[in-house]
Amino acid sequence: TTISGADAAKADLWSSDSASLIKDIPGGGAWGAGGVS
């Protein structure tokens, strides 16, 4: 899966955590931690 820069920039509206981008791909998720980690 490839996440484009435009799609990544859109996510900045609701999150400052880059790992949260993985949640939107097939099979993706993120272990909870700090707000950006």
ModelCIF file with pLDDT and N, C-alpha, C, O atoms, coordinates in Angstrom:
data_MODEL
#
_entry.id   MODEL 
#
_entity.id                         1 
_entity.type                       polymer 
_entity.pdbx_number_of_molecules   1 
#
_entity_poly.entity_id                      1 
_entity_poly.type                           'polypeptide(L)' 
_entity_poly.nstd_linkage                   no 
_entity_poly.nstd_monomer                   no 
_entity_poly.pdbx_seq_one_letter_code       TTISGADAAKADLWSSDSASLIKDIPGGGAWGAGGVS 
_entity_poly.pdbx_seq_one_letter_code_can   TTISGADAAKADLWSSDSASLIKDIPGGGAWGAGGVS 
_entity_poly.pdbx_strand_id                 A 
#
loop_
_entity_poly_seq.entity_id 
_entity_poly_seq.num 
_entity_poly_seq.mon_id 
_entity_poly_seq.hetero 
1 1  THR n 
1 2  THR n 
1 3  ILE n 
1 4  SER n 
1 5  GLY n 
1 6  ALA n 
1 7  ASP n 
1 8  ALA n 
1 9  ALA n 
1 10 LYS n 
1 11 ALA n 
1 12 ASP n 
1 13 LEU n 
1 14 TRP n 
1 15 SER n 
1 16 SER n 
1 17 ASP n 
1 18 SER n 
1 19 ALA n 
1 20 SER n 
1 21 LEU n 
1 22 ILE n 
1 23 LYS n 
1 24 ASP n 
1 25 ILE n 
1 26 PRO n 
1 27 GLY n 
1 28 GLY n 
1 29 GLY n 
1 30 ALA n 
1 31 TRP n 
1 32 GLY n 
1 33 ALA n 
1 34 GLY n 
1 35 GLY n 
1 36 VAL n 
1 37 SER n 
#
_struct_asym.id          A 
_struct_asym.entity_id   1 
#
loop_
_ma_qa_metric.id 
_ma_qa_metric.mode 
_ma_qa_metric.name 
_ma_qa_metric.software_group_id 
_ma_qa_metric.type 
1 global pLDDT . pLDDT 
2 local  pLDDT . pLDDT 
#
_ma_qa_metric_global.metric_id      1 
_ma_qa_metric_global.metric_value   95.30 
_ma_qa_metric_global.model_id       1 
_ma_qa_metric_global.ordinal_id     1 
#
loop_
_ma_qa_metric_local.label_asym_id 
_ma_qa_metric_local.label_comp_id 
_ma_qa_metric_local.label_seq_id 
_ma_qa_metric_local.metric_id 
_ma_qa_metric_local.metric_value 
_ma_qa_metric_local.model_id 
_ma_qa_metric_local.ordinal_id 
A THR 1  2 96.00 1 1  
A THR 2  2 95.00 1 2  
A ILE 3  2 95.00 1 3  
A SER 4  2 94.00 1 4  
A GLY 5  2 93.00 1 5  
A ALA 6  2 92.00 1 6  
A ASP 7  2 94.00 1 7  
A ALA 8  2 94.00 1 8  
A ALA 9  2 92.00 1 9  
A LYS 10 2 92.00 1 10 
A ALA 11 2 94.00 1 11 
A ASP 12 2 93.00 1 12 
A LEU 13 2 96.00 1 13 
A TRP 14 2 96.00 1 14 
A SER 15 2 96.00 1 15 
A SER 16 2 97.00 1 16 
A ASP 17 2 97.00 1 17 
A SER 18 2 97.00 1 18 
A ALA 19 2 96.00 1 19 
A SER 20 2 95.00 1 20 
A LEU 21 2 96.00 1 21 
A ILE 22 2 96.00 1 22 
A LYS 23 2 95.00 1 23 
A ASP 24 2 92.00 1 24 
A ILE 25 2 95.00 1 25 
A PRO 26 2 96.00 1 26 
A GLY 27 2 97.00 1 27 
A GLY 28 2 97.00 1 28 
A GLY 29 2 97.00 1 29 
A ALA 30 2 97.00 1 30 
A TRP 31 2 97.00 1 31 
A GLY 32 2 95.00 1 32 
A ALA 33 2 96.00 1 33 
A GLY 34 2 96.00 1 34 
A GLY 35 2 96.00 1 35 
A VAL 36 2 97.00 1 36 
A SER 37 2 97.00 1 37 
#
loop_
_atom_site.group_PDB 
_atom_site.id 
_atom_site.type_symbol 
_atom_site.label_atom_id 
_atom_site.label_alt_id 
_atom_site.label_comp_id 
_atom_site.label_asym_id 
_atom_site.label_entity_id 
_atom_site.label_seq_id 
_atom_site.pdbx_PDB_ins_code 
_atom_site.Cartn_x 
_atom_site.Cartn_y 
_atom_site.Cartn_z 
_atom_site.occupancy 
_atom_site.B_iso_or_equiv 
_atom_site.pdbx_formal_charge 
_atom_site.auth_seq_id 
_atom_site.auth_comp_id 
_atom_site.auth_asym_id 
_atom_site.auth_atom_id 
_atom_site.pdbx_PDB_model_num 
ATOM 1   N N  . THR A 1 1  ? 0.842  -1.190 0.000  1.00 96.00 ? 1  THR A N  1 
ATOM 2   C CA . THR A 1 1  ? 0.000  0.000  0.000  1.00 96.00 ? 1  THR A CA 1 
ATOM 3   C C  . THR A 1 1  ? 0.877  1.239  0.000  1.00 96.00 ? 1  THR A C  1 
ATOM 4   O O  . THR A 1 1  ? 1.867  1.305  0.729  1.00 96.00 ? 1  THR A O  1 
ATOM 5   N N  . THR A 1 2  ? 0.514  2.222  -0.819 1.00 95.00 ? 2  THR A N  1 
ATOM 6   C CA . THR A 1 2  ? 1.232  3.492  -0.857 1.00 95.00 ? 2  THR A CA 1 
ATOM 7   C C  . THR A 1 2  ? 0.310  4.610  -0.417 1.00 95.00 ? 2  THR A C  1 
ATOM 8   O O  . THR A 1 2  ? -0.780 4.779  -0.963 1.00 95.00 ? 2  THR A O  1 
ATOM 9   N N  . ILE A 1 3  ? 0.749  5.376  0.576  1.00 95.00 ? 3  ILE A N  1 
ATOM 10  C CA . ILE A 1 3  ? 0.025  6.546  1.056  1.00 95.00 ? 3  ILE A CA 1 
ATOM 11  C C  . ILE A 1 3  ? 0.702  7.772  0.470  1.00 95.00 ? 3  ILE A C  1 
ATOM 12  O O  . ILE A 1 3  ? 1.890  7.996  0.699  1.00 95.00 ? 3  ILE A O  1 
ATOM 13  N N  . SER A 1 4  ? -0.035 8.553  -0.275 1.00 94.00 ? 4  SER A N  1 
ATOM 14  C CA . SER A 1 4  ? 0.535  9.721  -0.944 1.00 94.00 ? 4  SER A CA 1 
ATOM 15  C C  . SER A 1 4  ? 0.748  10.861 0.046  1.00 94.00 ? 4  SER A C  1 
ATOM 16  O O  . SER A 1 4  ? 0.195  10.862 1.146  1.00 94.00 ? 4  SER A O  1 
ATOM 17  N N  . GLY A 1 5  ? 1.556  11.824 -0.366 1.00 93.00 ? 5  GLY A N  1 
ATOM 18  C CA . GLY A 1 5  ? 1.771  12.997 0.458  1.00 93.00 ? 5  GLY A CA 1 
ATOM 19  C C  . GLY A 1 5  ? 0.496  13.776 0.693  1.00 93.00 ? 5  GLY A C  1 
ATOM 20  O O  . GLY A 1 5  ? 0.296  14.329 1.774  1.00 93.00 ? 5  GLY A O  1 
ATOM 21  N N  . ALA A 1 6  ? -0.381 13.827 -0.322 1.00 92.00 ? 6  ALA A N  1 
ATOM 22  C CA . ALA A 1 6  ? -1.647 14.538 -0.170 1.00 92.00 ? 6  ALA A CA 1 
ATOM 23  C C  . ALA A 1 6  ? -2.525 13.873 0.879  1.00 92.00 ? 6  ALA A C  1 
ATOM 24  O O  . ALA A 1 6  ? -3.138 14.556 1.700  1.00 92.00 ? 6  ALA A O  1 
ATOM 25  N N  . ASP A 1 7  ? -2.589 12.541 0.859  1.00 94.00 ? 7  ASP A N  1 
ATOM 26  C CA . ASP A 1 7  ? -3.397 11.830 1.851  1.00 94.00 ? 7  ASP A CA 1 
ATOM 27  C C  . ASP A 1 7  ? -2.792 11.972 3.254  1.00 94.00 ? 7  ASP A C  1 
ATOM 28  O O  . ASP A 1 7  ? -3.520 12.090 4.239  1.00 94.00 ? 7  ASP A O  1 
ATOM 29  N N  . ALA A 1 8  ? -1.460 11.959 3.336  1.00 94.00 ? 8  ALA A N  1 
ATOM 30  C CA . ALA A 1 8  ? -0.820 12.135 4.637  1.00 94.00 ? 8  ALA A CA 1 
ATOM 31  C C  . ALA A 1 8  ? -1.100 13.524 5.194  1.00 94.00 ? 8  ALA A C  1 
ATOM 32  O O  . ALA A 1 8  ? -1.348 13.679 6.390  1.00 94.00 ? 8  ALA A O  1 
ATOM 33  N N  . ALA A 1 9  ? -1.060 14.535 4.327  1.00 92.00 ? 9  ALA A N  1 
ATOM 34  C CA . ALA A 1 9  ? -1.323 15.899 4.779  1.00 92.00 ? 9  ALA A CA 1 
ATOM 35  C C  . ALA A 1 9  ? -2.761 16.059 5.260  1.00 92.00 ? 9  ALA A C  1 
ATOM 36  O O  . ALA A 1 9  ? -3.018 16.804 6.205  1.00 92.00 ? 9  ALA A O  1 
ATOM 37  N N  . LYS A 1 10 ? -3.704 15.363 4.615  1.00 92.00 ? 10 LYS A N  1 
ATOM 38  C CA . LYS A 1 10 ? -5.100 15.433 5.062  1.00 92.00 ? 10 LYS A CA 1 
ATOM 39  C C  . LYS A 1 10 ? -5.244 14.933 6.491  1.00 92.00 ? 10 LYS A C  1 
ATOM 40  O O  . LYS A 1 10 ? -6.031 15.471 7.270  1.00 92.00 ? 10 LYS A O  1 
ATOM 41  N N  . ALA A 1 11 ? -4.475 13.893 6.832  1.00 94.00 ? 11 ALA A N  1 
ATOM 42  C CA . ALA A 1 11 ? -4.576 13.298 8.167  1.00 94.00 ? 11 ALA A CA 1 
ATOM 43  C C  . ALA A 1 11 ? -4.149 14.259 9.258  1.00 94.00 ? 11 ALA A C  1 
ATOM 44  O O  . ALA A 1 11 ? -4.504 14.072 10.421 1.00 94.00 ? 11 ALA A O  1 
ATOM 45  N N  . ASP A 1 12 ? -3.388 15.292 8.897  1.00 93.00 ? 12 ASP A N  1 
ATOM 46  C CA . ASP A 1 12 ? -2.954 16.271 9.875  1.00 93.00 ? 12 ASP A CA 1 
ATOM 47  C C  . ASP A 1 12 ? -4.143 17.012 10.487 1.00 93.00 ? 12 ASP A C  1 
ATOM 48  O O  . ASP A 1 12 ? -4.013 17.625 11.547 1.00 93.00 ? 12 ASP A O  1 
ATOM 49  N N  . LEU A 1 13 ? -5.287 16.959 9.831  1.00 96.00 ? 13 LEU A N  1 
ATOM 50  C CA . LEU A 1 13 ? -6.493 17.580 10.377 1.00 96.00 ? 13 LEU A CA 1 
ATOM 51  C C  . LEU A 1 13 ? -6.896 16.933 11.692 1.00 96.00 ? 13 LEU A C  1 
ATOM 52  O O  . LEU A 1 13 ? -7.367 17.625 12.595 1.00 96.00 ? 13 LEU A O  1 
ATOM 53  N N  . TRP A 1 14 ? -6.721 15.615 11.821 1.00 96.00 ? 14 TRP A N  1 
ATOM 54  C CA . TRP A 1 14 ? -7.213 14.918 13.011 1.00 96.00 ? 14 TRP A CA 1 
ATOM 55  C C  . TRP A 1 14 ? -6.126 14.230 13.835 1.00 96.00 ? 14 TRP A C  1 
ATOM 56  O O  . TRP A 1 14 ? -6.428 13.702 14.905 1.00 96.00 ? 14 TRP A O  1 
ATOM 57  N N  . SER A 1 15 ? -4.864 14.218 13.376 1.00 96.00 ? 15 SER A N  1 
ATOM 58  C CA . SER A 1 15 ? -3.820 13.560 14.148 1.00 96.00 ? 15 SER A CA 1 
ATOM 59  C C  . SER A 1 15 ? -2.452 14.123 13.804 1.00 96.00 ? 15 SER A C  1 
ATOM 60  O O  . SER A 1 15 ? -2.189 14.483 12.657 1.00 96.00 ? 15 SER A O  1 
ATOM 61  N N  . SER A 1 16 ? -1.576 14.198 14.813 1.00 97.00 ? 16 SER A N  1 
ATOM 62  C CA . SER A 1 16 ? -0.173 14.569 14.600 1.00 97.00 ? 16 SER A CA 1 
ATOM 63  C C  . SER A 1 16 ? 0.744  13.363 14.691 1.00 97.00 ? 16 SER A C  1 
ATOM 64  O O  . SER A 1 16 ? 1.967  13.507 14.720 1.00 97.00 ? 16 SER A O  1 
ATOM 65  N N  . ASP A 1 17 ? 0.158  12.173 14.734 1.00 97.00 ? 17 ASP A N  1 
ATOM 66  C CA . ASP A 1 17 ? 0.897  10.918 14.876 1.00 97.00 ? 17 ASP A CA 1 
ATOM 67  C C  . ASP A 1 17 ? 0.999  10.245 13.509 1.00 97.00 ? 17 ASP A C  1 
ATOM 68  O O  . ASP A 1 17 ? -0.007 9.780  12.973 1.00 97.00 ? 17 ASP A O  1 
ATOM 69  N N  . SER A 1 18 ? 2.196  10.190 12.944 1.00 97.00 ? 18 SER A N  1 
ATOM 70  C CA . SER A 1 18 ? 2.364  9.601  11.612 1.00 97.00 ? 18 SER A CA 1 
ATOM 71  C C  . SER A 1 18 ? 2.039  8.123  11.592 1.00 97.00 ? 18 SER A C  1 
ATOM 72  O O  . SER A 1 18 ? 1.627  7.601  10.556 1.00 97.00 ? 18 SER A O  1 
ATOM 73  N N  . ALA A 1 19 ? 2.213  7.425  12.722 1.00 96.00 ? 19 ALA A N  1 
ATOM 74  C CA . ALA A 1 19 ? 1.869  6.003  12.757 1.00 96.00 ? 19 ALA A CA 1 
ATOM 75  C C  . ALA A 1 19 ? 0.371  5.791  12.579 1.00 96.00 ? 19 ALA A C  1 
ATOM 76  O O  . ALA A 1 19 ? -0.054 4.707  12.181 1.00 96.00 ? 19 ALA A O  1 
ATOM 77  N N  . SER A 1 20 ? -0.438 6.814  12.870 1.00 95.00 ? 20 SER A N  1 
ATOM 78  C CA . SER A 1 20 ? -1.886 6.674  12.692 1.00 95.00 ? 20 SER A CA 1 
ATOM 79  C C  . SER A 1 20 ? -2.259 6.513  11.223 1.00 95.00 ? 20 SER A C  1 
ATOM 80  O O  . SER A 1 20 ? -3.351 6.036  10.916 1.00 95.00 ? 20 SER A O  1 
ATOM 81  N N  . LEU A 1 21 ? -1.363 6.907  10.301 1.00 96.00 ? 21 LEU A N  1 
ATOM 82  C CA . LEU A 1 21 ? -1.626 6.702  8.875  1.00 96.00 ? 21 LEU A CA 1 
ATOM 83  C C  . LEU A 1 21 ? -1.757 5.225  8.549  1.00 96.00 ? 21 LEU A C  1 
ATOM 84  O O  . LEU A 1 21 ? -2.486 4.853  7.629  1.00 96.00 ? 21 LEU A O  1 
ATOM 85  N N  . ILE A 1 22 ? -1.052 4.376  9.299  1.00 96.00 ? 22 ILE A N  1 
ATOM 86  C CA . ILE A 1 22 ? -1.083 2.939  9.049  1.00 96.00 ? 22 ILE A CA 1 
ATOM 87  C C  . ILE A 1 22 ? -2.470 2.362  9.329  1.00 96.00 ? 22 ILE A C  1 
ATOM 88  O O  . ILE A 1 22 ? -2.835 1.325  8.775  1.00 96.00 ? 22 ILE A O  1 
ATOM 89  N N  . LYS A 1 23 ? -3.244 3.031  10.188 1.00 95.00 ? 23 LYS A N  1 
ATOM 90  C CA . LYS A 1 23 ? -4.580 2.530  10.513 1.00 95.00 ? 23 LYS A CA 1 
ATOM 91  C C  . LYS A 1 23 ? -5.483 2.456  9.287  1.00 95.00 ? 23 LYS A C  1 
ATOM 92  O O  . LYS A 1 23 ? -6.417 1.655  9.252  1.00 95.00 ? 23 LYS A O  1 
ATOM 93  N N  . ASP A 1 24 ? -5.209 3.288  8.279  1.00 92.00 ? 24 ASP A N  1 
ATOM 94  C CA . ASP A 1 24 ? -6.101 3.380  7.125  1.00 92.00 ? 24 ASP A CA 1 
ATOM 95  C C  . ASP A 1 24 ? -5.777 2.390  6.018  1.00 92.00 ? 24 ASP A C  1 
ATOM 96  O O  . ASP A 1 24 ? -6.494 2.334  5.020  1.00 92.00 ? 24 ASP A O  1 
ATOM 97  N N  . ILE A 1 25 ? -4.710 1.606  6.172  1.00 95.00 ? 25 ILE A N  1 
ATOM 98  C CA . ILE A 1 25 ? -4.359 0.662  5.116  1.00 95.00 ? 25 ILE A CA 1 
ATOM 99  C C  . ILE A 1 25 ? -4.938 -0.708 5.454  1.00 95.00 ? 25 ILE A C  1 
ATOM 100 O O  . ILE A 1 25 ? -5.235 -0.967 6.620  1.00 95.00 ? 25 ILE A O  1 
ATOM 101 N N  . PRO A 1 26 ? -5.106 -1.586 4.482  1.00 96.00 ? 26 PRO A N  1 
ATOM 102 C CA . PRO A 1 26 ? -5.601 -2.932 4.776  1.00 96.00 ? 26 PRO A CA 1 
ATOM 103 C C  . PRO A 1 26 ? -4.698 -3.656 5.771  1.00 96.00 ? 26 PRO A C  1 
ATOM 104 O O  . PRO A 1 26 ? -3.492 -3.774 5.554  1.00 96.00 ? 26 PRO A O  1 
ATOM 105 N N  . GLY A 1 27 ? -5.297 -4.143 6.875  1.00 97.00 ? 27 GLY A N  1 
ATOM 106 C CA . GLY A 1 27 ? -4.547 -4.871 7.882  1.00 97.00 ? 27 GLY A CA 1 
ATOM 107 C C  . GLY A 1 27 ? -3.753 -4.018 8.834  1.00 97.00 ? 27 GLY A C  1 
ATOM 108 O O  . GLY A 1 27 ? -3.021 -4.549 9.669  1.00 97.00 ? 27 GLY A O  1 
ATOM 109 N N  . GLY A 1 28 ? -3.875 -2.693 8.734  1.00 97.00 ? 28 GLY A N  1 
ATOM 110 C CA . GLY A 1 28 ? -3.050 -1.804 9.538  1.00 97.00 ? 28 GLY A CA 1 
ATOM 111 C C  . GLY A 1 28 ? -3.680 -1.417 10.859 1.00 97.00 ? 28 GLY A C  1 
ATOM 112 O O  . GLY A 1 28 ? -4.898 -1.486 11.020 1.00 97.00 ? 28 GLY A O  1 
ATOM 113 N N  . GLY A 1 29 ? -2.844 -1.009 11.806 1.00 97.00 ? 29 GLY A N  1 
ATOM 114 C CA . GLY A 1 29 ? -3.286 -0.541 13.103 1.00 97.00 ? 29 GLY A CA 1 
ATOM 115 C C  . GLY A 1 29 ? -2.129 0.125  13.815 1.00 97.00 ? 29 GLY A C  1 
ATOM 116 O O  . GLY A 1 29 ? -1.043 0.258  13.250 1.00 97.00 ? 29 GLY A O  1 
ATOM 117 N N  . ALA A 1 30 ? -2.350 0.548  15.058 1.00 97.00 ? 30 ALA A N  1 
ATOM 118 C CA . ALA A 1 30 ? -1.304 1.209  15.834 1.00 97.00 ? 30 ALA A CA 1 
ATOM 119 C C  . ALA A 1 30 ? -1.485 0.886  17.305 1.00 97.00 ? 30 ALA A C  1 
ATOM 120 O O  . ALA A 1 30 ? -2.581 1.018  17.848 1.00 97.00 ? 30 ALA A O  1 
ATOM 121 N N  . TRP A 1 31 ? -0.401 0.460  17.949 1.00 97.00 ? 31 TRP A N  1 
ATOM 122 C CA . TRP A 1 31 ? -0.414 0.245  19.392 1.00 97.00 ? 31 TRP A CA 1 
ATOM 123 C C  . TRP A 1 31 ? -0.456 1.601  20.080 1.00 97.00 ? 31 TRP A C  1 
ATOM 124 O O  . TRP A 1 31 ? 0.302  2.506  19.731 1.00 97.00 ? 31 TRP A O  1 
ATOM 125 N N  . GLY A 1 32 ? -1.335 1.737  21.049 1.00 95.00 ? 32 GLY A N  1 
ATOM 126 C CA . GLY A 1 32 ? -1.448 2.997  21.759 1.00 95.00 ? 32 GLY A CA 1 
ATOM 127 C C  . GLY A 1 32 ? -0.185 3.318  22.538 1.00 95.00 ? 32 GLY A C  1 
ATOM 128 O O  . GLY A 1 32 ? 0.448  2.433  23.113 1.00 95.00 ? 32 GLY A O  1 
ATOM 129 N N  . ALA A 1 33 ? 0.177  4.602  22.551 1.00 96.00 ? 33 ALA A N  1 
ATOM 130 C CA . ALA A 1 33 ? 1.339  5.083  23.293 1.00 96.00 ? 33 ALA A CA 1 
ATOM 131 C C  . ALA A 1 33 ? 1.115  6.572  23.528 1.00 96.00 ? 33 ALA A C  1 
ATOM 132 O O  . ALA A 1 33 ? 0.003  6.982  23.862 1.00 96.00 ? 33 ALA A O  1 
ATOM 133 N N  . GLY A 1 34 ? 2.155  7.389  23.357 1.00 96.00 ? 34 GLY A N  1 
ATOM 134 C CA . GLY A 1 34 ? 1.986  8.823  23.461 1.00 96.00 ? 34 GLY A CA 1 
ATOM 135 C C  . GLY A 1 34 ? 1.251  9.384  22.252 1.00 96.00 ? 34 GLY A C  1 
ATOM 136 O O  . GLY A 1 34 ? 1.011  8.672  21.277 1.00 96.00 ? 34 GLY A O  1 
ATOM 137 N N  . GLY A 1 35 ? 0.898  10.659 22.320 1.00 96.00 ? 35 GLY A N  1 
ATOM 138 C CA . GLY A 1 35 ? 0.090  11.271 21.273 1.00 96.00 ? 35 GLY A CA 1 
ATOM 139 C C  . GLY A 1 35 ? 0.742  11.308 19.912 1.00 96.00 ? 35 GLY A C  1 
ATOM 140 O O  . GLY A 1 35 ? 0.038  11.408 18.907 1.00 96.00 ? 35 GLY A O  1 
ATOM 141 N N  . VAL A 1 36 ? 2.086  11.230 19.835 1.00 97.00 ? 36 VAL A N  1 
ATOM 142 C CA . VAL A 1 36 ? 2.772  11.233 18.542 1.00 97.00 ? 36 VAL A CA 1 
ATOM 143 C C  . VAL A 1 36 ? 3.716  10.040 18.417 1.00 97.00 ? 36 VAL A C  1 
ATOM 144 O O  . VAL A 1 36 ? 4.604  10.049 17.565 1.00 97.00 ? 36 VAL A O  1 
ATOM 145 N N  . SER A 1 37 ? 3.540  9.020  19.247 1.00 97.00 ? 37 SER A N  1 
ATOM 146 C CA . SER A 1 37 ? 4.534  7.940  19.296 1.00 97.00 ? 37 SER A CA 1 
ATOM 147 C C  . SER A 1 37 ? 3.932  6.549  19.334 1.00 97.00 ? 37 SER A C  1 
ATOM 148 O O  . SER A 1 37 ? 4.665  5.560  19.376 1.00 97.00 ? 37 SER A O  1 
#
